[in-house]
PDB file of N, CA and C in Angstrom:
ATOM      1  N   UNK A   1      -8.248  13.341   3.481  1.00  0.00           N
ATOM      2  CA  UNK A   1      -8.069  13.706   4.704  1.00  0.00           C
ATOM      3  C   UNK A   1      -6.928  14.073   5.183  1.00  0.00           C
ATOM      4  N   UNK A   2      -6.841  15.135   5.752  1.00  0.00           N
ATOM      5  CA  UNK A   2      -5.525  16.009   5.951  1.00  0.00           C
ATOM      6  C   UNK A   2      -4.467  14.800   6.927  1.00  0.00           C
ATOM      7  N   UNK A   3      -3.305  14.847   6.896  1.00  0.00           N
ATOM      8  CA  UNK A   3      -2.440  14.304   7.560  1.00  0.00           C
ATOM      9  C   UNK A   3      -1.566  15.204   8.319  1.00  0.00           C
ATOM     10  N   UNK A   4      -0.889  14.980   9.436  1.00  0.00           N
ATOM     11  CA  UNK A   4      -0.215  15.830  10.160  1.00  0.00           C
ATOM     12  C   UNK A   4       0.899  15.159  11.162  1.00  0.00           C
ATOM     13  N   UNK A   5       2.142  15.818  11.308  1.00  0.00           N
ATOM     14  CA  UNK A   5       3.219  15.176  11.954  1.00  0.00           C
ATOM     15  C   UNK A   5       3.232  15.984  13.240  1.00  0.00           C
ATOM     16  N   UNK A   6       3.690  15.107  14.357  1.00  0.00           N
ATOM     17  CA  UNK A   6       3.986  15.899  15.291  1.00  0.00           C
ATOM     18  C   UNK A   6       5.305  15.373  16.115  1.00  0.00           C
ATOM     19  N   UNK A   7       5.886  16.186  16.484  1.00  0.00           N
ATOM     20  CA  UNK A   7       7.553  16.290  16.537  1.00  0.00           C
ATOM     21  C   UNK A   7       8.069  17.340  17.407  1.00  0.00           C
ATOM     22  N   UNK A   8       8.550  17.257  18.471  1.00  0.00           N
ATOM     23  CA  UNK A   8       9.033  18.250  19.617  1.00  0.00           C
ATOM     24  C   UNK A   8       7.726  19.251  19.877  1.00  0.00           C
ATOM     25  N   UNK A   9       6.670  18.282  20.446  1.00  0.00           N
ATOM     26  CA  UNK A   9       5.617  19.259  20.922  1.00  0.00           C
ATOM     27  C   UNK A   9       4.922  20.006  20.126  1.00  0.00           C
ATOM     28  N   UNK A  10       5.594  20.012  18.559  1.00  0.00           N
ATOM     29  CA  UNK A  10       4.791  20.862  17.326  1.00  0.00           C
ATOM     30  C   UNK A  10       4.000  20.002  16.544  1.00  0.00           C
ATOM     31  N   UNK A  11       2.872  20.241  16.058  1.00  0.00           N
ATOM     32  CA  UNK A  11       2.092  19.928  15.040  1.00  0.00           C
ATOM     33  C   UNK A  11       2.026  20.504  13.641  1.00  0.00           C
ATOM     34  N   UNK A  12       2.199  19.779  12.638  1.00  0.00           N
ATOM     35  CA  UNK A  12       2.308  20.538  11.264  1.00  0.00           C
ATOM     36  C   UNK A  12       1.529  19.931  10.286  1.00  0.00           C
ATOM     37  N   UNK A  13       0.986  20.515   9.376  1.00  0.00           N
ATOM     38  CA  UNK A  13       0.281  19.917   8.204  1.00  0.00           C
ATOM     39  C   UNK A  13       1.235  19.244   7.353  1.00  0.00           C
ATOM     40  N   UNK A  14       0.965  18.077   6.805  1.00  0.00           N
ATOM     41  CA  UNK A  14       1.648  17.500   6.016  1.00  0.00           C
ATOM     42  C   UNK A  14       1.454  18.033   4.238  1.00  0.00           C
ATOM     43  N   UNK A  15       2.400  18.381   3.628  1.00  0.00           N
ATOM     44  CA  UNK A  15       1.744  18.850   2.185  1.00  0.00           C
ATOM     45  C   UNK A  15       1.345  17.907   1.384  1.00  0.00           C
ATOM     46  N   UNK A  16       0.366  18.161   0.625  1.00  0.00           N
ATOM     47  CA  UNK A  16      -0.288  17.327  -0.647  1.00  0.00           C
ATOM     48  C   UNK A  16       0.726  17.155  -1.753  1.00  0.00           C
ATOM     49  N   UNK A  17       0.906  15.990  -2.193  1.00  0.00           N
ATOM     50  CA  UNK A  17       1.863  15.895  -3.474  1.00  0.00           C
ATOM     51  C   UNK A  17       1.182  14.894  -4.388  1.00  0.00           C
ATOM     52  N   UNK A  18       2.002  14.345  -5.390  1.00  0.00           N
ATOM     53  CA  UNK A  18       1.421  13.765  -6.405  1.00  0.00           C
ATOM     54  C   UNK A  18       2.463  12.382  -6.567  1.00  0.00           C
ATOM     55  N   UNK A  19       2.303  11.258  -6.688  1.00  0.00           N
ATOM     56  CA  UNK A  19       3.337  10.069  -7.018  1.00  0.00           C
ATOM     57  C   UNK A  19       4.274  10.681  -8.058  1.00  0.00           C
ATOM     58  N   UNK A  20       3.623  10.963  -9.340  1.00  0.00           N
ATOM     59  CA  UNK A  20       4.956  11.560 -10.171  1.00  0.00           C
ATOM     60  C   UNK A  20       5.718  12.400  -9.609  1.00  0.00           C
ATOM     61  N   UNK A  21       5.131  13.499  -9.168  1.00  0.00           N
ATOM     62  CA  UNK A  21       6.178  14.412  -8.587  1.00  0.00           C
ATOM     63  C   UNK A  21       7.096  13.473  -7.499  1.00  0.00           C
ATOM     64  N   UNK A  22       6.760  12.928  -6.976  1.00  0.00           N
ATOM     65  CA  UNK A  22       7.853  12.148  -6.188  1.00  0.00           C
ATOM     66  C   UNK A  22       8.629  11.096  -6.583  1.00  0.00           C
ATOM     67  N   UNK A  23       7.994  10.652  -7.863  1.00  0.00           N
ATOM     68  CA  UNK A  23       8.867   9.830  -8.499  1.00  0.00           C
ATOM     69  C   UNK A  23       8.597   8.306  -8.009  1.00  0.00           C
ATOM     70  N   UNK A  24       7.406   8.227  -7.473  1.00  0.00           N
ATOM     71  CA  UNK A  24       6.929   7.126  -6.731  1.00  0.00           C
ATOM     72  C   UNK A  24       6.097   6.022  -7.737  1.00  0.00           C
ATOM     73  N   UNK A  25       6.404   5.130  -8.366  1.00  0.00           N
ATOM     74  CA  UNK A  25       5.518   4.228  -9.315  1.00  0.00           C
ATOM     75  C   UNK A  25       4.633   3.157  -8.355  1.00  0.00           C
ATOM     76  N   UNK A  26       3.211   2.675  -8.484  1.00  0.00           N
ATOM     77  CA  UNK A  26       2.497   2.103  -7.926  1.00  0.00           C
ATOM     78  C   UNK A  26       3.453   0.708  -7.716  1.00  0.00           C
ATOM     79  N   UNK A  27       3.507  -0.040  -8.746  1.00  0.00           N
ATOM     80  CA  UNK A  27       3.886  -1.393  -8.562  1.00  0.00           C
ATOM     81  C   UNK A  27       5.270  -1.377  -8.157  1.00  0.00           C
ATOM     82  N   UNK A  28       6.470  -0.865  -8.876  1.00  0.00           N
ATOM     83  CA  UNK A  28       7.720  -0.934  -8.282  1.00  0.00           C
ATOM     84  C   UNK A  28       8.138  -0.343  -7.168  1.00  0.00           C
ATOM     85  N   UNK A  29       7.556   0.658  -6.740  1.00  0.00           N
ATOM     86  CA  UNK A  29       7.925   1.114  -5.672  1.00  0.00           C
ATOM     87  C   UNK A  29       7.012   0.776  -4.362  1.00  0.00           C
ATOM     88  N   UNK A  30       5.632   1.382  -4.449  1.00  0.00           N
ATOM     89  CA  UNK A  30       4.718   1.432  -3.354  1.00  0.00           C
ATOM     90  C   UNK A  30       4.357  -0.146  -3.038  1.00  0.00           C
ATOM     91  N   UNK A  31       4.100  -0.934  -4.282  1.00  0.00           N
ATOM     92  CA  UNK A  31       3.697  -2.328  -4.009  1.00  0.00           C
ATOM     93  C   UNK A  31       4.741  -3.297  -3.358  1.00  0.00           C
ATOM     94  N   UNK A  32       5.966  -3.009  -3.791  1.00  0.00           N
ATOM     95  CA  UNK A  32       7.310  -3.670  -3.249  1.00  0.00           C
ATOM     96  C   UNK A  32       7.470  -3.209  -1.822  1.00  0.00           C
ATOM     97  N   UNK A  33       7.479  -2.027  -1.358  1.00  0.00           N
ATOM     98  CA  UNK A  33       7.495  -1.422  -0.112  1.00  0.00           C
ATOM     99  C   UNK A  33       6.546  -2.078   1.103  1.00  0.00           C
ATOM    100  N   UNK A  34       5.340  -2.349   0.654  1.00  0.00           N
ATOM    101  CA  UNK A  34       4.103  -2.758   1.337  1.00  0.00           C
ATOM    102  C   UNK A  34       4.684  -4.460   1.457  1.00  0.00           C
ATOM    103  N   UNK A  35       4.868  -4.794   0.321  1.00  0.00           N
ATOM    104  CA  UNK A  35       5.300  -6.648   0.457  1.00  0.00           C
ATOM    105  C   UNK A  35       6.394  -6.819   1.236  1.00  0.00           C
ATOM    106  N   UNK A  36       7.608  -5.778   1.369  1.00  0.00           N
ATOM    107  CA  UNK A  36       8.372  -6.027   2.231  1.00  0.00           C
ATOM    108  C   UNK A  36       8.234  -5.381   4.043  1.00  0.00           C
ATOM    109  N   UNK A  37       7.418  -4.768   3.940  1.00  0.00           N
ATOM    110  CA  UNK A  37       6.749  -4.156   5.499  1.00  0.00           C
ATOM    111  C   UNK A  37       5.496  -4.140   5.465  1.00  0.00           C
ATOM    112  N   UNK A  38       4.605  -5.487   5.409  1.00  0.00           N
ATOM    113  CA  UNK A  38       3.118  -5.767   5.194  1.00  0.00           C
ATOM    114  C   UNK A  38       2.520  -4.893   6.610  1.00  0.00           C
ATOM    115  N   UNK A  39       3.366  -5.154   7.716  1.00  0.00           N
ATOM    116  CA  UNK A  39       2.748  -4.837   9.033  1.00  0.00           C
ATOM    117  C   UNK A  39       2.531  -3.592   9.071  1.00  0.00           C
ATOM    118  N   UNK A  40       2.772  -2.493   8.247  1.00  0.00           N
ATOM    119  CA  UNK A  40       2.522  -1.152   8.538  1.00  0.00           C
ATOM    120  C   UNK A  40       0.832  -1.184   8.528  1.00  0.00           C
ATOM    121  N   UNK A  41       0.104  -1.814   7.264  1.00  0.00           N
ATOM    122  CA  UNK A  41      -1.080  -1.780   7.111  1.00  0.00           C
ATOM    123  C   UNK A  41      -1.919  -3.038   7.506  1.00  0.00           C
ATOM    124  N   UNK A  42      -1.140  -4.276   7.517  1.00  0.00           N
ATOM    125  CA  UNK A  42      -2.011  -5.489   8.065  1.00  0.00           C
ATOM    126  C   UNK A  42      -0.920  -6.171   9.182  1.00  0.00           C
ATOM    127  N   UNK A  43      -0.971  -5.776  10.388  1.00  0.00           N
ATOM    128  CA  UNK A  43      -0.307  -6.603  11.294  1.00  0.00           C
ATOM    129  C   UNK A  43      -0.359  -8.002  11.405  1.00  0.00           C
ATOM    130  N   UNK A  44       0.456  -8.813  11.690  1.00  0.00           N
ATOM    131  CA  UNK A  44       0.534 -10.151  12.163  1.00  0.00           C
ATOM    132  C   UNK A  44      -0.020 -10.840  10.537  1.00  0.00           C
ATOM    133  N   UNK A  45       0.317 -10.402   9.582  1.00  0.00           N
ATOM    134  CA  UNK A  45       0.068 -11.003   8.256  1.00  0.00           C
ATOM    135  C   UNK A  45       1.473 -11.452   7.337  1.00  0.00           C
ATOM    136  N   UNK A  46       1.367 -12.327   6.839  1.00  0.00           N
ATOM    137  CA  UNK A  46       2.589 -12.901   5.904  1.00  0.00           C
ATOM    138  C   UNK A  46       2.317 -12.953   4.278  1.00  0.00           C
ATOM    139  N   UNK A  47       2.664 -12.628   3.641  1.00  0.00           N
ATOM    140  CA  UNK A  47       2.663 -12.365   2.179  1.00  0.00           C
ATOM    141  C   UNK A  47       2.852 -13.541   1.510  1.00  0.00           C
ATOM    142  N   UNK A  48       2.086 -14.148   0.470  1.00  0.00           N
ATOM    143  CA  UNK A  48       1.927 -15.365   0.184  1.00  0.00           C
ATOM    144  C   UNK A  48       2.355 -15.116  -1.352  1.00  0.00           C
ATOM    145  N   UNK A  49       1.698 -13.986  -1.681  1.00  0.00           N
ATOM    146  CA  UNK A  49       1.921 -14.152  -3.350  1.00  0.00           C
ATOM    147  C   UNK A  49       1.633 -12.498  -3.489  1.00  0.00           C
ATOM    148  N   UNK A  50       2.415 -11.868  -4.632  1.00  0.00           N
ATOM    149  CA  UNK A  50       2.471 -10.972  -5.187  1.00  0.00           C
ATOM    150  C   UNK A  50       2.265 -10.935  -6.767  1.00  0.00           C
ATOM    151  N   UNK A  51       1.164 -10.120  -7.075  1.00  0.00           N
ATOM    152  CA  UNK A  51       0.459  -9.995  -8.461  1.00  0.00           C
ATOM    153  C   UNK A  51      -0.167 -11.472  -8.612  1.00  0.00           C
ATOM    154  N   UNK A  52      -0.782 -11.901  -7.609  1.00  0.00           N
ATOM    155  CA  UNK A  52      -1.340 -13.354  -7.893  1.00  0.00           C
ATOM    156  C   UNK A  52      -2.347 -13.514  -8.934  1.00  0.00           C
ATOM    157  N   UNK A  53      -2.233 -14.329  -9.900  1.00  0.00           N
ATOM    158  CA  UNK A  53      -3.047 -14.668 -10.779  1.00  0.00           C
ATOM    159  C   UNK A  53      -3.495 -16.301 -11.247  1.00  0.00           C
ATOM    160  N   UNK A  54      -3.261 -17.026 -10.026  1.00  0.00           N
ATOM    161  CA  UNK A  54      -3.433 -18.398 -10.110  1.00  0.00           C
ATOM    162  C   UNK A  54      -4.918 -18.756 -10.430  1.00  0.00           C
ATOM    163  N   UNK A  55      -5.984 -18.354 -11.319  1.00  0.00           N
ATOM    164  CA  UNK A  55      -7.113 -18.460 -11.269  1.00  0.00           C
ATOM    165  C   UNK A  55      -7.313 -19.404 -12.619  1.00  0.00           C
ATOM    166  N   UNK A  56      -8.532 -19.891 -12.776  1.00  0.00           N
ATOM    167  CA  UNK A  56      -8.583 -21.135 -13.847  1.00  0.00           C
ATOM    168  C   UNK A  56      -9.253 -20.145 -14.940  1.00  0.00           C
ATOM    169  N   UNK A  57     -10.020 -19.136 -14.564  1.00  0.00           N
ATOM    170  CA  UNK A  57     -10.552 -18.368 -15.660  1.00  0.00           C
ATOM    171  C   UNK A  57     -10.518 -16.883 -15.336  1.00  0.00           C
ATOM    172  N   UNK A  58     -10.232 -15.879 -16.619  1.00  0.00           N
ATOM    173  CA  UNK A  58     -10.010 -14.546 -16.585  1.00  0.00           C
ATOM    174  C   UNK A  58      -8.675 -14.298 -16.357  1.00  0.00           C
ATOM    175  N   UNK A  59      -7.923 -12.824 -16.488  1.00  0.00           N
ATOM    176  CA  UNK A  59      -6.979 -12.423 -16.255  1.00  0.00           C
ATOM    177  C   UNK A  59      -6.885 -11.264 -15.163  1.00  0.00           C
ATOM    178  N   UNK A  60      -7.551 -11.341 -14.137  1.00  0.00           N
ATOM    179  CA  UNK A  60      -7.535 -10.512 -13.073  1.00  0.00           C
ATOM    180  C   UNK A  60      -6.140 -11.110 -12.256  1.00  0.00           C
ATOM    181  N   UNK A  61      -5.553  -9.787 -11.518  1.00  0.00           N
ATOM    182  CA  UNK A  61      -4.624 -10.382 -10.396  1.00  0.00           C
ATOM    183  C   UNK A  61      -5.090  -9.698  -9.347  1.00  0.00           C
ATOM    184  N   UNK A  62      -4.344 -10.297  -8.067  1.00  0.00           N
ATOM    185  CA  UNK A  62      -4.454  -9.738  -6.726  1.00  0.00           C
ATOM    186  C   UNK A  62      -2.936  -8.994  -6.640  1.00  0.00           C
ATOM    187  N   UNK A  63      -2.844  -7.709  -6.087  1.00  0.00           N
ATOM    188  CA  UNK A  63      -1.635  -7.220  -5.824  1.00  0.00           C
ATOM    189  C   UNK A  63      -0.903  -7.818  -4.824  1.00  0.00           C
ATOM    190  N   UNK A  64      -1.353  -8.008  -3.871  1.00  0.00           N
ATOM    191  CA  UNK A  64      -0.686  -8.682  -2.798  1.00  0.00           C
ATOM    192  C   UNK A  64      -1.527  -9.582  -2.016  1.00  0.00           C
ATOM    193  N   UNK A  65      -1.285 -10.756  -1.801  1.00  0.00           N
ATOM    194  CA  UNK A  65      -1.874 -11.943  -1.065  1.00  0.00           C
ATOM    195  C   UNK A  65      -1.308 -12.674  -0.224  1.00  0.00           C
ATOM    196  N   UNK A  66      -2.118 -12.552   1.112  1.00  0.00           N
ATOM    197  CA  UNK A  66      -1.381 -12.700   2.372  1.00  0.00           C
ATOM    198  C   UNK A  66      -2.197 -13.704   3.273  1.00  0.00           C
ATOM    199  N   UNK A  67      -1.797 -13.990   4.201  1.00  0.00           N
ATOM    200  CA  UNK A  67      -2.488 -14.977   5.322  1.00  0.00           C
ATOM    201  C   UNK A  67      -2.351 -14.566   6.640  1.00  0.00           C
ATOM    202  N   UNK A  68      -3.160 -14.481   7.576  1.00  0.00           N
ATOM    203  CA  UNK A  68      -2.969 -13.623   8.949  1.00  0.00           C
ATOM    204  C   UNK A  68      -2.886 -15.008   9.705  1.00  0.00           C
ATOM    205  N   UNK A  69      -2.885 -14.560  11.342  1.00  0.00           N
ATOM    206  CA  UNK A  69      -2.455 -15.550  11.995  1.00  0.00           C
ATOM    207  C   UNK A  69      -3.713 -16.669  12.362  1.00  0.00           C
ATOM    208  N   UNK A  70      -4.902 -16.256  12.063  1.00  0.00           N
ATOM    209  CA  UNK A  70      -6.034 -17.267  11.989  1.00  0.00           C
ATOM    210  C   UNK A  70      -6.451 -17.807  10.780  1.00  0.00           C
ATOM    211  N   UNK A  71      -5.330 -17.636  10.013  1.00  0.00           N
ATOM    212  CA  UNK A  71      -5.472 -18.509   8.522  1.00  0.00           C
ATOM    213  C   UNK A  71      -6.825 -17.681   7.767  1.00  0.00           C
ATOM    214  N   UNK A  72      -6.851 -16.545   7.953  1.00  0.00           N
ATOM    215  CA  UNK A  72      -7.318 -15.531   6.985  1.00  0.00           C
ATOM    216  C   UNK A  72      -6.842 -15.336   5.800  1.00  0.00           C
ATOM    217  N   UNK A  73      -7.702 -15.317   4.542  1.00  0.00           N
ATOM    218  CA  UNK A  73      -6.729 -14.744   3.491  1.00  0.00           C
ATOM    219  C   UNK A  73      -6.581 -13.183   3.393  1.00  0.00           C
ATOM    220  N   UNK A  74      -5.613 -12.527   3.290  1.00  0.00           N
ATOM    221  CA  UNK A  74      -5.768 -11.113   3.206  1.00  0.00           C
ATOM    222  C   UNK A  74      -5.381 -10.676   1.922  1.00  0.00           C
ATOM    223  N   UNK A  75      -6.503  -9.790   1.395  1.00  0.00           N
ATOM    224  CA  UNK A  75      -6.229  -9.428  -0.095  1.00  0.00           C
ATOM    225  C   UNK A  75      -5.888  -7.885  -0.102  1.00  0.00           C
ATOM    226  N   UNK A  76      -4.939  -7.528  -0.537  1.00  0.00           N
ATOM    227  CA  UNK A  76      -4.644  -6.173  -0.690  1.00  0.00           C
ATOM    228  C   UNK A  76      -4.598  -5.589  -2.067  1.00  0.00           C
ATOM    229  N   UNK A  77      -5.122  -4.566  -2.557  1.00  0.00           N
ATOM    230  CA  UNK A  77      -5.297  -3.948  -3.903  1.00  0.00           C
ATOM    231  C   UNK A  77      -5.157  -2.600  -3.588  1.00  0.00           C
ATOM    232  N   UNK A  78      -4.029  -2.071  -4.515  1.00  0.00           N
ATOM    233  CA  UNK A  78      -3.581  -0.806  -4.461  1.00  0.00           C
ATOM    234  C   UNK A  78      -4.551   0.172  -5.413  1.00  0.00           C
ATOM    235  N   UNK A  79      -5.318   1.015  -5.002  1.00  0.00           N
ATOM    236  CA  UNK A  79      -5.998   1.886  -5.704  1.00  0.00           C
ATOM    237  C   UNK A  79      -5.631   3.519  -5.285  1.00  0.00           C
ATOM    238  N   UNK A  80      -5.840   3.914  -6.493  1.00  0.00           N
ATOM    239  CA  UNK A  80      -5.709   5.580  -6.094  1.00  0.00           C
ATOM    240  C   UNK A  80      -6.948   6.451  -6.978  1.00  0.00           C
ATOM    241  N   UNK A  81      -6.947   7.869  -6.756  1.00  0.00           N
ATOM    242  CA  UNK A  81      -7.975   8.347  -7.313  1.00  0.00           C
ATOM    243  C   UNK A  81      -7.472   8.951  -8.505  1.00  0.00           C
ATOM    244  N   UNK A  82      -8.518   9.969  -9.032  1.00  0.00           N
ATOM    245  CA  UNK A  82      -8.087  10.395 -10.484  1.00  0.00           C
ATOM    246  C   UNK A  82      -6.842  11.437 -10.214  1.00  0.00           C
ATOM    247  N   UNK A  83      -6.591  11.889  -9.119  1.00  0.00           N
ATOM    248  CA  UNK A  83      -5.593  12.895  -9.124  1.00  0.00           C
ATOM    249  C   UNK A  83      -4.238  12.294  -8.587  1.00  0.00           C
ATOM    250  N   UNK A  84      -4.414  11.115  -8.519  1.00  0.00           N
ATOM    251  CA  UNK A  84      -3.139  10.312  -8.178  1.00  0.00           C
ATOM    252  C   UNK A  84      -2.236  11.195  -7.138  1.00  0.00           C
ATOM    253  N   UNK A  85      -2.943  11.795  -6.052  1.00  0.00           N
ATOM    254  CA  UNK A  85      -2.344  12.315  -5.155  1.00  0.00           C
ATOM    255  C   UNK A  85      -2.268  11.557  -3.678  1.00  0.00           C
ATOM    256  N   UNK A  86      -1.133  11.807  -3.000  1.00  0.00           N
ATOM    257  CA  UNK A  86      -0.709  11.085  -1.984  1.00  0.00           C
ATOM    258  C   UNK A  86      -0.219  12.305  -0.985  1.00  0.00           C
ATOM    259  N   UNK A  87       0.143  11.821  -0.016  1.00  0.00           N
ATOM    260  CA  UNK A  87       0.741  12.657   1.401  1.00  0.00           C
ATOM    261  C   UNK A  87       2.407  12.331   1.347  1.00  0.00           C
ATOM    262  N   UNK A  88       3.042  13.391   1.551  1.00  0.00           N
ATOM    263  CA  UNK A  88       4.281  13.093   1.681  1.00  0.00           C
ATOM    264  C   UNK A  88       4.976  14.050   3.199  1.00  0.00           C
ATOM    265  N   UNK A  89       6.131  13.189   3.531  1.00  0.00           N
ATOM    266  CA  UNK A  89       6.712  14.178   4.575  1.00  0.00           C
ATOM    267  C   UNK A  89       7.948  14.587   4.389  1.00  0.00           C
TER     268      UNK A  89
END
């Protein structure tokens, strides 16, 4: 999906890049940034746990576990495609 910026009445395409090219790590950069500013993807959510693994069975982990204002659990899992591409401004 193409992304664009709009500034001073000008629209411009955002160039495609890769996590590695930008020096961005999934867990130590992206996950931390979302944890500290969860409102950008899930407004009115409070993060309860990062890398939650409090299960009685299995070794699965939830990247970020939150709760919204209606007391619904919010599960955030970070996924990438095979090319590890992202958009950069």
